Amino acid sequence: MTRHDPFPLAERIAMDPESAERGLASLVLTVVELLRQLVERQAIRRVDGGDLTAAEIERIGSTLMRLEQGMRELCEHFDLTLDDLNLDLGPLGTLLPNDRG
C-alpha cells in the first residue's frame, strides 16, 4: 500500500534564493558578531588591567568602532538588524547580550 504524501519532497525543499541568501548571511553575521563582542570584551579587560599604552588604547578603540560600523553596514546590506542576529536559545536566554545602547 502506498501512502500519499501531501507535501512532495520537491515542495518541501524548494526555497526562495533571496530567502536562503538572507538566512545564510544571518547565520554568518551572527557568528561574526559573537566573535566581535568577545574581542571587544577582551580588549576592555586589557584596558582595565592597565597593561596598554595610551596609543594602544586609542588604536583598539578606533578598530572596535570600525568593526562595529562594518557589522552595521553588512546588516543593512542584507536587510538585517543586530537584533535579528541575536538567537533565542530558549531557557538559556539569548546568544548575544542585550546591552547595546
PDB file of N, CA and C in Angstrom:
ATOM      1  N   MET A   1       0.843  -1.171   0.000  1.00  0.00           N
ATOM      2  CA  MET A   1       0.000   0.000   0.000  1.00  0.00           C
ATOM      3  C   MET A   1       0.896   1.243   0.000  1.00  0.00           C
ATOM      4  N   THR A   2       0.678   2.125  -0.916  1.00  0.00           N
ATOM      5  CA  THR A   2       1.476   3.350  -0.996  1.00  0.00           C
ATOM      6  C   THR A   2       0.756   4.471  -0.271  1.00  0.00           C
ATOM      7  N   ARG A   3       1.534   5.188   0.459  1.00  0.00           N
ATOM      8  CA  ARG A   3       0.981   6.316   1.197  1.00  0.00           C
ATOM      9  C   ARG A   3       1.136   7.570   0.352  1.00  0.00           C
ATOM     10  N   HIS A   4       0.109   8.370   0.285  1.00  0.00           N
ATOM     11  CA  HIS A   4       0.164   9.612  -0.473  1.00  0.00           C
ATOM     12  C   HIS A   4       0.754  10.715   0.411  1.00  0.00           C
ATOM     13  N   ASP A   5       1.840  11.308  -0.058  1.00  0.00           N
ATOM     14  CA  ASP A   5       2.497  12.393   0.686  1.00  0.00           C
ATOM     15  C   ASP A   5       1.899  13.718   0.218  1.00  0.00           C
ATOM     16  N   PRO A   6       1.188  14.447   1.103  1.00  0.00           N
ATOM     17  CA  PRO A   6       0.576  15.715   0.691  1.00  0.00           C
ATOM     18  C   PRO A   6       1.616  16.801   0.400  1.00  0.00           C
ATOM     19  N   PHE A   7       2.856  16.627   0.860  1.00  0.00           N
ATOM     20  CA  PHE A   7       3.913  17.601   0.613  1.00  0.00           C
ATOM     21  C   PHE A   7       5.100  16.888  -0.032  1.00  0.00           C
ATOM     22  N   PRO A   8       5.106  16.769  -1.341  1.00  0.00           N
ATOM     23  CA  PRO A   8       6.209  16.075  -2.000  1.00  0.00           C
ATOM     24  C   PRO A   8       7.557  16.714  -1.663  1.00  0.00           C
ATOM     25  N   LEU A   9       8.599  15.899  -1.742  1.00  0.00           N
ATOM     26  CA  LEU A   9       9.946  16.331  -1.384  1.00  0.00           C
ATOM     27  C   LEU A   9      10.337  17.618  -2.111  1.00  0.00           C
ATOM     28  N   ALA A  10      10.039  17.713  -3.378  1.00  0.00           N
ATOM     29  CA  ALA A  10      10.413  18.905  -4.152  1.00  0.00           C
ATOM     30  C   ALA A  10       9.787  20.167  -3.568  1.00  0.00           C
ATOM     31  N   GLU A  11       8.563  20.063  -3.076  1.00  0.00           N
ATOM     32  CA  GLU A  11       7.912  21.228  -2.485  1.00  0.00           C
ATOM     33  C   GLU A  11       8.480  21.547  -1.111  1.00  0.00           C
ATOM     34  N   ARG A  12       8.885  20.533  -0.357  1.00  0.00           N
ATOM     35  CA  ARG A  12       9.414  20.760   0.983  1.00  0.00           C
ATOM     36  C   ARG A  12      10.783  21.412   0.958  1.00  0.00           C
ATOM     37  N   ILE A  13      11.589  21.138  -0.069  1.00  0.00           N
ATOM     38  CA  ILE A  13      12.936  21.707  -0.101  1.00  0.00           C
ATOM     39  C   ILE A  13      13.058  22.903  -1.022  1.00  0.00           C
ATOM     40  N   ALA A  14      11.996  23.233  -1.743  1.00  0.00           N
ATOM     41  CA  ALA A  14      12.038  24.402  -2.624  1.00  0.00           C
ATOM     42  C   ALA A  14      12.203  25.649  -1.774  1.00  0.00           C
ATOM     43  N   MET A  15      13.204  26.469  -2.119  1.00  0.00           N
ATOM     44  CA  MET A  15      13.472  27.672  -1.348  1.00  0.00           C
ATOM     45  C   MET A  15      13.597  28.861  -2.289  1.00  0.00           C
ATOM     46  N   ASP A  16      13.250  29.987  -1.759  1.00  0.00           N
ATOM     47  CA  ASP A  16      13.461  31.231  -2.469  1.00  0.00           C
ATOM     48  C   ASP A  16      14.945  31.583  -2.343  1.00  0.00           C
ATOM     49  N   PRO A  17      15.670  31.789  -3.439  1.00  0.00           N
ATOM     50  CA  PRO A  17      17.103  32.081  -3.355  1.00  0.00           C
ATOM     51  C   PRO A  17      17.430  33.287  -2.482  1.00  0.00           C
ATOM     52  N   GLU A  18      16.597  34.320  -2.528  1.00  0.00           N
ATOM     53  CA  GLU A  18      16.849  35.503  -1.696  1.00  0.00           C
ATOM     54  C   GLU A  18      16.689  35.178  -0.220  1.00  0.00           C
ATOM     55  N   SER A  19      15.706  34.360   0.094  1.00  0.00           N
ATOM     56  CA  SER A  19      15.477  33.957   1.481  1.00  0.00           C
ATOM     57  C   SER A  19      16.648  33.105   1.977  1.00  0.00           C
ATOM     58  N   ALA A  20      17.140  32.229   1.135  1.00  0.00           N
ATOM     59  CA  ALA A  20      18.277  31.387   1.505  1.00  0.00           C
ATOM     60  C   ALA A  20      19.522  32.244   1.719  1.00  0.00           C
ATOM     61  N   GLU A  21      19.741  33.224   0.853  1.00  0.00           N
ATOM     62  CA  GLU A  21      20.892  34.111   0.993  1.00  0.00           C
ATOM     63  C   GLU A  21      20.816  34.905   2.291  1.00  0.00           C
ATOM     64  N   ARG A  22      19.638  35.420   2.580  1.00  0.00           N
ATOM     65  CA  ARG A  22      19.445  36.196   3.813  1.00  0.00           C
ATOM     66  C   ARG A  22      19.646  35.317   5.047  1.00  0.00           C
ATOM     67  N   GLY A  23      19.147  34.089   4.991  1.00  0.00           N
ATOM     68  CA  GLY A  23      19.312  33.166   6.107  1.00  0.00           C
ATOM     69  C   GLY A  23      20.774  32.816   6.346  1.00  0.00           C
ATOM     70  N   LEU A  24      21.502  32.567   5.269  1.00  0.00           N
ATOM     71  CA  LEU A  24      22.924  32.262   5.398  1.00  0.00           C
ATOM     72  C   LEU A  24      23.693  33.479   5.899  1.00  0.00           C
ATOM     73  N   ALA A  25      23.361  34.652   5.371  1.00  0.00           N
ATOM     74  CA  ALA A  25      24.008  35.882   5.825  1.00  0.00           C
ATOM     75  C   ALA A  25      23.740  36.095   7.307  1.00  0.00           C
ATOM     76  N   SER A  26      22.524  35.846   7.734  1.00  0.00           N
ATOM     77  CA  SER A  26      22.168  36.000   9.146  1.00  0.00           C
ATOM     78  C   SER A  26      23.000  35.068  10.023  1.00  0.00           C
ATOM     79  N   LEU A  27      23.150  33.822   9.604  1.00  0.00           N
ATOM     80  CA  LEU A  27      23.931  32.859  10.371  1.00  0.00           C
ATOM     81  C   LEU A  27      25.400  33.279  10.445  1.00  0.00           C
ATOM     82  N   VAL A  28      25.987  33.639   9.313  1.00  0.00           N
ATOM     83  CA  VAL A  28      27.398  34.039   9.285  1.00  0.00           C
ATOM     84  C   VAL A  28      27.613  35.311  10.102  1.00  0.00           C
ATOM     85  N   LEU A  29      26.737  36.287   9.941  1.00  0.00           N
ATOM     86  CA  LEU A  29      26.887  37.539  10.681  1.00  0.00           C
ATOM     87  C   LEU A  29      26.680  37.337  12.176  1.00  0.00           C
ATOM     88  N   THR A  30      25.849  36.373  12.558  1.00  0.00           N
ATOM     89  CA  THR A  30      25.673  36.070  13.982  1.00  0.00           C
ATOM     90  C   THR A  30      26.994  35.577  14.574  1.00  0.00           C
ATOM     91  N   VAL A  31      27.662  34.690  13.873  1.00  0.00           N
ATOM     92  CA  VAL A  31      28.953  34.178  14.353  1.00  0.00           C
ATOM     93  C   VAL A  31      29.986  35.306  14.396  1.00  0.00           C
ATOM     94  N   VAL A  32      30.014  36.132  13.357  1.00  0.00           N
ATOM     95  CA  VAL A  32      30.965  37.247  13.316  1.00  0.00           C
ATOM     96  C   VAL A  32      30.683  38.231  14.455  1.00  0.00           C
ATOM     97  N   GLU A  33      29.424  38.529  14.707  1.00  0.00           N
ATOM     98  CA  GLU A  33      29.071  39.460  15.784  1.00  0.00           C
ATOM     99  C   GLU A  33      29.440  38.882  17.147  1.00  0.00           C
ATOM    100  N   LEU A  34      29.218  37.599  17.340  1.00  0.00           N
ATOM    101  CA  LEU A  34      29.601  36.963  18.594  1.00  0.00           C
ATOM    102  C   LEU A  34      31.113  37.093  18.809  1.00  0.00           C
ATOM    103  N   LEU A  35      31.886  36.800  17.782  1.00  0.00           N
ATOM    104  CA  LEU A  35      33.345  36.931  17.884  1.00  0.00           C
ATOM    105  C   LEU A  35      33.768  38.380  18.105  1.00  0.00           C
ATOM    106  N   ARG A  36      33.105  39.311  17.435  1.00  0.00           N
ATOM    107  CA  ARG A  36      33.425  40.733  17.599  1.00  0.00           C
ATOM    108  C   ARG A  36      33.200  41.160  19.044  1.00  0.00           C
ATOM    109  N   GLN A  37      32.086  40.715  19.625  1.00  0.00           N
ATOM    110  CA  GLN A  37      31.791  41.077  21.005  1.00  0.00           C
ATOM    111  C   GLN A  37      32.786  40.439  21.978  1.00  0.00           C
ATOM    112  N   LEU A  38      33.212  39.223  21.692  1.00  0.00           N
ATOM    113  CA  LEU A  38      34.215  38.582  22.550  1.00  0.00           C
ATOM    114  C   LEU A  38      35.543  39.331  22.494  1.00  0.00           C
ATOM    115  N   VAL A  39      35.950  39.740  21.303  1.00  0.00           N
ATOM    116  CA  VAL A  39      37.185  40.517  21.147  1.00  0.00           C
ATOM    117  C   VAL A  39      37.056  41.845  21.882  1.00  0.00           C
ATOM    118  N   GLU A  40      35.898  42.472  21.780  1.00  0.00           N
ATOM    119  CA  GLU A  40      35.668  43.753  22.461  1.00  0.00           C
ATOM    120  C   GLU A  40      35.775  43.582  23.983  1.00  0.00           C
ATOM    121  N   ARG A  41      35.187  42.542  24.510  1.00  0.00           N
ATOM    122  CA  ARG A  41      35.253  42.305  25.960  1.00  0.00           C
ATOM    123  C   ARG A  41      36.687  42.033  26.421  1.00  0.00           C
ATOM    124  N   GLN A  42      37.435  41.277  25.608  1.00  0.00           N
ATOM    125  CA  GLN A  42      38.833  41.019  25.951  1.00  0.00           C
ATOM    126  C   GLN A  42      39.636  42.312  25.920  1.00  0.00           C
ATOM    127  N   ALA A  43      39.375  43.166  24.939  1.00  0.00           N
ATOM    128  CA  ALA A  43      40.076  44.453  24.853  1.00  0.00           C
ATOM    129  C   ALA A  43      39.762  45.315  26.076  1.00  0.00           C
ATOM    130  N   ILE A  44      38.507  45.322  26.503  1.00  0.00           N
ATOM    131  CA  ILE A  44      38.119  46.104  27.680  1.00  0.00           C
ATOM    132  C   ILE A  44      38.834  45.570  28.921  1.00  0.00           C
ATOM    133  N   ARG A  45      38.933  44.249  29.043  1.00  0.00           N
ATOM    134  CA  ARG A  45      39.670  43.669  30.172  1.00  0.00           C
ATOM    135  C   ARG A  45      41.136  44.118  30.166  1.00  0.00           C
ATOM    136  N   ARG A  46      41.743  44.151  28.985  1.00  0.00           N
ATOM    137  CA  ARG A  46      43.144  44.573  28.899  1.00  0.00           C
ATOM    138  C   ARG A  46      43.288  46.053  29.242  1.00  0.00           C
ATOM    139  N   VAL A  47      42.349  46.870  28.786  1.00  0.00           N
ATOM    140  CA  VAL A  47      42.389  48.303  29.122  1.00  0.00           C
ATOM    141  C   VAL A  47      42.227  48.472  30.631  1.00  0.00           C
ATOM    142  N   ASP A  48      41.238  47.786  31.201  1.00  0.00           N
ATOM    143  CA  ASP A  48      41.003  47.875  32.645  1.00  0.00           C
ATOM    144  C   ASP A  48      42.183  47.338  33.450  1.00  0.00           C
ATOM    145  N   GLY A  49      42.908  46.383  32.877  1.00  0.00           N
ATOM    146  CA  GLY A  49      44.057  45.804  33.557  1.00  0.00           C
ATOM    147  C   GLY A  49      45.263  46.727  33.594  1.00  0.00           C
ATOM    148  N   GLY A  50      45.231  47.786  32.797  1.00  0.00           N
ATOM    149  CA  GLY A  50      46.296  48.769  32.817  1.00  0.00           C
ATOM    150  C   GLY A  50      47.573  48.351  32.115  1.00  0.00           C
ATOM    151  N   ASP A  51      47.518  47.316  31.273  1.00  0.00           N
ATOM    152  CA  ASP A  51      48.741  46.875  30.616  1.00  0.00           C
ATOM    153  C   ASP A  51      48.880  47.380  29.175  1.00  0.00           C
ATOM    154  N   LEU A  52      48.144  48.439  28.826  1.00  0.00           N
ATOM    155  CA  LEU A  52      48.231  49.029  27.493  1.00  0.00           C
ATOM    156  C   LEU A  52      48.643  50.491  27.579  1.00  0.00           C
ATOM    157  N   THR A  53      49.345  50.940  26.546  1.00  0.00           N
ATOM    158  CA  THR A  53      49.705  52.351  26.480  1.00  0.00           C
ATOM    159  C   THR A  53      48.512  53.149  25.974  1.00  0.00           C
ATOM    160  N   ALA A  54      48.581  54.459  26.111  1.00  0.00           N
ATOM    161  CA  ALA A  54      47.500  55.325  25.626  1.00  0.00           C
ATOM    162  C   ALA A  54      47.317  55.154  24.113  1.00  0.00           C
ATOM    163  N   ALA A  55      48.420  55.008  23.385  1.00  0.00           N
ATOM    164  CA  ALA A  55      48.338  54.823  21.931  1.00  0.00           C
ATOM    165  C   ALA A  55      47.659  53.498  21.586  1.00  0.00           C
ATOM    166  N   GLU A  56      47.967  52.441  22.335  1.00  0.00           N
ATOM    167  CA  GLU A  56      47.341  51.140  22.099  1.00  0.00           C
ATOM    168  C   GLU A  56      45.843  51.201  22.402  1.00  0.00           C
ATOM    169  N   ILE A  57      45.493  51.881  23.461  1.00  0.00           N
ATOM    170  CA  ILE A  57      44.075  52.039  23.809  1.00  0.00           C
ATOM    171  C   ILE A  57      43.341  52.794  22.712  1.00  0.00           C
ATOM    172  N   GLU A  58      43.943  53.843  22.206  1.00  0.00           N
ATOM    173  CA  GLU A  58      43.334  54.623  21.118  1.00  0.00           C
ATOM    174  C   GLU A  58      43.160  53.755  19.871  1.00  0.00           C
ATOM    175  N   ARG A  59      44.181  52.990  19.530  1.00  0.00           N
ATOM    176  CA  ARG A  59      44.116  52.129  18.341  1.00  0.00           C
ATOM    177  C   ARG A  59      43.048  51.052  18.502  1.00  0.00           C
ATOM    178  N   ILE A  60      42.971  50.449  19.677  1.00  0.00           N
ATOM    179  CA  ILE A  60      41.941  49.426  19.927  1.00  0.00           C
ATOM    180  C   ILE A  60      40.550  50.042  19.829  1.00  0.00           C
ATOM    181  N   GLY A  61      40.376  51.213  20.416  1.00  0.00           N
ATOM    182  CA  GLY A  61      39.070  51.881  20.364  1.00  0.00           C
ATOM    183  C   GLY A  61      38.645  52.178  18.933  1.00  0.00           C
ATOM    184  N   SER A  62      39.574  52.697  18.135  1.00  0.00           N
ATOM    185  CA  SER A  62      39.262  53.007  16.725  1.00  0.00           C
ATOM    186  C   SER A  62      38.928  51.730  15.953  1.00  0.00           C
ATOM    187  N   THR A  63      39.696  50.681  16.189  1.00  0.00           N
ATOM    188  CA  THR A  63      39.456  49.413  15.495  1.00  0.00           C
ATOM    189  C   THR A  63      38.099  48.840  15.859  1.00  0.00           C
ATOM    190  N   LEU A  64      37.759  48.858  17.138  1.00  0.00           N
ATOM    191  CA  LEU A  64      36.469  48.321  17.564  1.00  0.00           C
ATOM    192  C   LEU A  64      35.308  49.127  16.986  1.00  0.00           C
ATOM    193  N   MET A  65      35.468  50.434  16.908  1.00  0.00           N
ATOM    194  CA  MET A  65      34.407  51.267  16.314  1.00  0.00           C
ATOM    195  C   MET A  65      34.249  50.949  14.828  1.00  0.00           C
ATOM    196  N   ARG A  66      35.356  50.749  14.121  1.00  0.00           N
ATOM    197  CA  ARG A  66      35.277  50.401  12.693  1.00  0.00           C
ATOM    198  C   ARG A  66      34.634  49.033  12.503  1.00  0.00           C
ATOM    199  N   LEU A  67      34.979  48.082  13.367  1.00  0.00           N
ATOM    200  CA  LEU A  67      34.367  46.752  13.265  1.00  0.00           C
ATOM    201  C   LEU A  67      32.855  46.811  13.489  1.00  0.00           C
ATOM    202  N   GLU A  68      32.452  47.578  14.487  1.00  0.00           N
ATOM    203  CA  GLU A  68      31.013  47.707  14.751  1.00  0.00           C
ATOM    204  C   GLU A  68      30.305  48.382  13.574  1.00  0.00           C
ATOM    205  N   GLN A  69      30.917  49.409  13.025  1.00  0.00           N
ATOM    206  CA  GLN A  69      30.326  50.085  11.861  1.00  0.00           C
ATOM    207  C   GLN A  69      30.240  49.126  10.668  1.00  0.00           C
ATOM    208  N   GLY A  70      31.280  48.323  10.474  1.00  0.00           N
ATOM    209  CA  GLY A  70      31.249  47.329   9.400  1.00  0.00           C
ATOM    210  C   GLY A  70      30.122  46.334   9.576  1.00  0.00           C
ATOM    211  N   MET A  71      29.889  45.906  10.794  1.00  0.00           N
ATOM    212  CA  MET A  71      28.778  44.991  11.064  1.00  0.00           C
ATOM    213  C   MET A  71      27.447  45.650  10.739  1.00  0.00           C
ATOM    214  N   ARG A  72      27.308  46.907  11.133  1.00  0.00           N
ATOM    215  CA  ARG A  72      26.057  47.619  10.837  1.00  0.00           C
ATOM    216  C   ARG A  72      25.837  47.731   9.328  1.00  0.00           C
ATOM    217  N   GLU A  73      26.900  47.994   8.578  1.00  0.00           N
ATOM    218  CA  GLU A  73      26.789  48.107   7.121  1.00  0.00           C
ATOM    219  C   GLU A  73      26.429  46.766   6.489  1.00  0.00           C
ATOM    220  N   LEU A  74      27.043  45.685   6.960  1.00  0.00           N
ATOM    221  CA  LEU A  74      26.707  44.362   6.435  1.00  0.00           C
ATOM    222  C   LEU A  74      25.257  44.002   6.749  1.00  0.00           C
ATOM    223  N   CYS A  75      24.823  44.302   7.965  1.00  0.00           N
ATOM    224  CA  CYS A  75      23.424  44.044   8.323  1.00  0.00           C
ATOM    225  C   CYS A  75      22.488  44.835   7.415  1.00  0.00           C
ATOM    226  N   GLU A  76      22.825  46.085   7.185  1.00  0.00           N
ATOM    227  CA  GLU A  76      21.994  46.919   6.313  1.00  0.00           C
ATOM    228  C   GLU A  76      21.942  46.337   4.902  1.00  0.00           C
ATOM    229  N   HIS A  77      23.079  45.879   4.397  1.00  0.00           N
ATOM    230  CA  HIS A  77      23.140  45.291   3.054  1.00  0.00           C
ATOM    231  C   HIS A  77      22.199  44.095   2.921  1.00  0.00           C
ATOM    232  N   PHE A  78      22.124  43.272   3.968  1.00  0.00           N
ATOM    233  CA  PHE A  78      21.282  42.085   3.924  1.00  0.00           C
ATOM    234  C   PHE A  78      19.915  42.311   4.569  1.00  0.00           C
ATOM    235  N   ASP A  79      19.574  43.578   4.824  1.00  0.00           N
ATOM    236  CA  ASP A  79      18.282  43.945   5.409  1.00  0.00           C
ATOM    237  C   ASP A  79      18.058  43.232   6.750  1.00  0.00           C
ATOM    238  N   LEU A  80      19.093  43.277   7.596  1.00  0.00           N
ATOM    239  CA  LEU A  80      19.037  42.683   8.925  1.00  0.00           C
ATOM    240  C   LEU A  80      19.341  43.766   9.950  1.00  0.00           C
ATOM    241  N   THR A  81      18.936  43.527  11.171  1.00  0.00           N
ATOM    242  CA  THR A  81      19.345  44.395  12.274  1.00  0.00           C
ATOM    243  C   THR A  81      20.232  43.562  13.193  1.00  0.00           C
ATOM    244  N   LEU A  82      20.967  44.235  14.069  1.00  0.00           N
ATOM    245  CA  LEU A  82      21.769  43.486  15.029  1.00  0.00           C
ATOM    246  C   LEU A  82      20.878  42.623  15.916  1.00  0.00           C
ATOM    247  N   ASP A  83      19.650  43.076  16.171  1.00  0.00           N
ATOM    248  CA  ASP A  83      18.704  42.269  16.957  1.00  0.00           C
ATOM    249  C   ASP A  83      18.317  40.984  16.225  1.00  0.00           C
ATOM    250  N   ASP A  84      18.283  41.030  14.880  1.00  0.00           N
ATOM    251  CA  ASP A  84      17.970  39.828  14.099  1.00  0.00           C
ATOM    252  C   ASP A  84      19.019  38.735  14.309  1.00  0.00           C
ATOM    253  N   LEU A  85      20.229  39.133  14.668  1.00  0.00           N
ATOM    254  CA  LEU A  85      21.319  38.177  14.832  1.00  0.00           C
ATOM    255  C   LEU A  85      21.302  37.499  16.200  1.00  0.00           C
ATOM    256  N   ASN A  86      20.507  38.021  17.107  1.00  0.00           N
ATOM    257  CA  ASN A  86      20.502  37.529  18.476  1.00  0.00           C
ATOM    258  C   ASN A  86      19.581  36.321  18.597  1.00  0.00           C
ATOM    259  N   LEU A  87      20.158  35.137  18.486  1.00  0.00           N
ATOM    260  CA  LEU A  87      19.377  33.906  18.520  1.00  0.00           C
ATOM    261  C   LEU A  87      18.789  33.656  19.900  1.00  0.00           C
ATOM    262  N   ASP A  88      17.530  33.224  19.911  1.00  0.00           N
ATOM    263  CA  ASP A  88      16.867  32.856  21.158  1.00  0.00           C
ATOM    264  C   ASP A  88      17.214  31.403  21.462  1.00  0.00           C
ATOM    265  N   LEU A  89      17.884  31.163  22.576  1.00  0.00           N
ATOM    266  CA  LEU A  89      18.308  29.817  22.957  1.00  0.00           C
ATOM    267  C   LEU A  89      17.356  29.179  23.960  1.00  0.00           C
ATOM    268  N   GLY A  90      16.121  29.645  23.956  1.00  0.00           N
ATOM    269  CA  GLY A  90      15.108  29.078  24.837  1.00  0.00           C
ATOM    270  C   GLY A  90      15.398  29.389  26.290  1.00  0.00           C
ATOM    271  N   PRO A  91      15.426  28.361  27.140  1.00  0.00           N
ATOM    272  CA  PRO A  91      15.616  28.597  28.572  1.00  0.00           C
ATOM    273  C   PRO A  91      16.990  29.202  28.915  1.00  0.00           C
ATOM    274  N   LEU A  92      17.933  29.119  27.994  1.00  0.00           N
ATOM    275  CA  LEU A  92      19.261  29.692  28.237  1.00  0.00           C
ATOM    276  C   LEU A  92      19.301  31.198  27.993  1.00  0.00           C
ATOM    277  N   GLY A  93      18.261  31.726  27.380  1.00  0.00           N
ATOM    278  CA  GLY A  93      18.236  33.155  27.051  1.00  0.00           C
ATOM    279  C   GLY A  93      18.668  33.383  25.614  1.00  0.00           C
ATOM    280  N   THR A  94      19.273  34.529  25.363  1.00  0.00           N
ATOM    281  CA  THR A  94      19.712  34.854  24.015  1.00  0.00           C
ATOM    282  C   THR A  94      21.216  34.646  23.882  1.00  0.00           C
ATOM    283  N   LEU A  95      21.664  34.451  22.653  1.00  0.00           N
ATOM    284  CA  LEU A  95      23.080  34.214  22.390  1.00  0.00           C
ATOM    285  C   LEU A  95      23.926  35.436  22.703  1.00  0.00           C
ATOM    286  N   LEU A  96      23.462  36.602  22.260  1.00  0.00           N
ATOM    287  CA  LEU A  96      24.208  37.834  22.447  1.00  0.00           C
ATOM    288  C   LEU A  96      23.607  38.637  23.595  1.00  0.00           C
ATOM    289  N   PRO A  97      24.437  39.298  24.384  1.00  0.00           N
ATOM    290  CA  PRO A  97      23.904  40.134  25.469  1.00  0.00           C
ATOM    291  C   PRO A  97      23.062  41.278  24.910  1.00  0.00           C
ATOM    292  N   ASN A  98      22.081  41.684  25.662  1.00  0.00           N
ATOM    293  CA  ASN A  98      21.202  42.785  25.236  1.00  0.00           C
ATOM    294  C   ASN A  98      21.640  44.103  25.862  1.00  0.00           C
ATOM    295  N   ASP A  99      22.942  44.394  25.844  1.00  0.00           N
ATOM    296  CA  ASP A  99      23.440  45.599  26.491  1.00  0.00           C
ATOM    297  C   ASP A  99      23.820  46.702  25.500  1.00  0.00           C
ATOM    298  N   ARG A 100      23.257  46.654  24.309  1.00  0.00           N
ATOM    299  CA  ARG A 100      23.545  47.704  23.310  1.00  0.00           C
ATOM    300  C   ARG A 100      22.759  48.948  23.641  1.00  0.00           C
ATOM    301  N   GLY A 101      23.422  50.080  23.458  1.00  0.00           N
ATOM    302  CA  GLY A 101      22.740  51.329  23.741  1.00  0.00           C
ATOM    303  C   GLY A 101      22.507  52.138  22.533  1.00  0.00           C
TER     304      GLY A 101
END
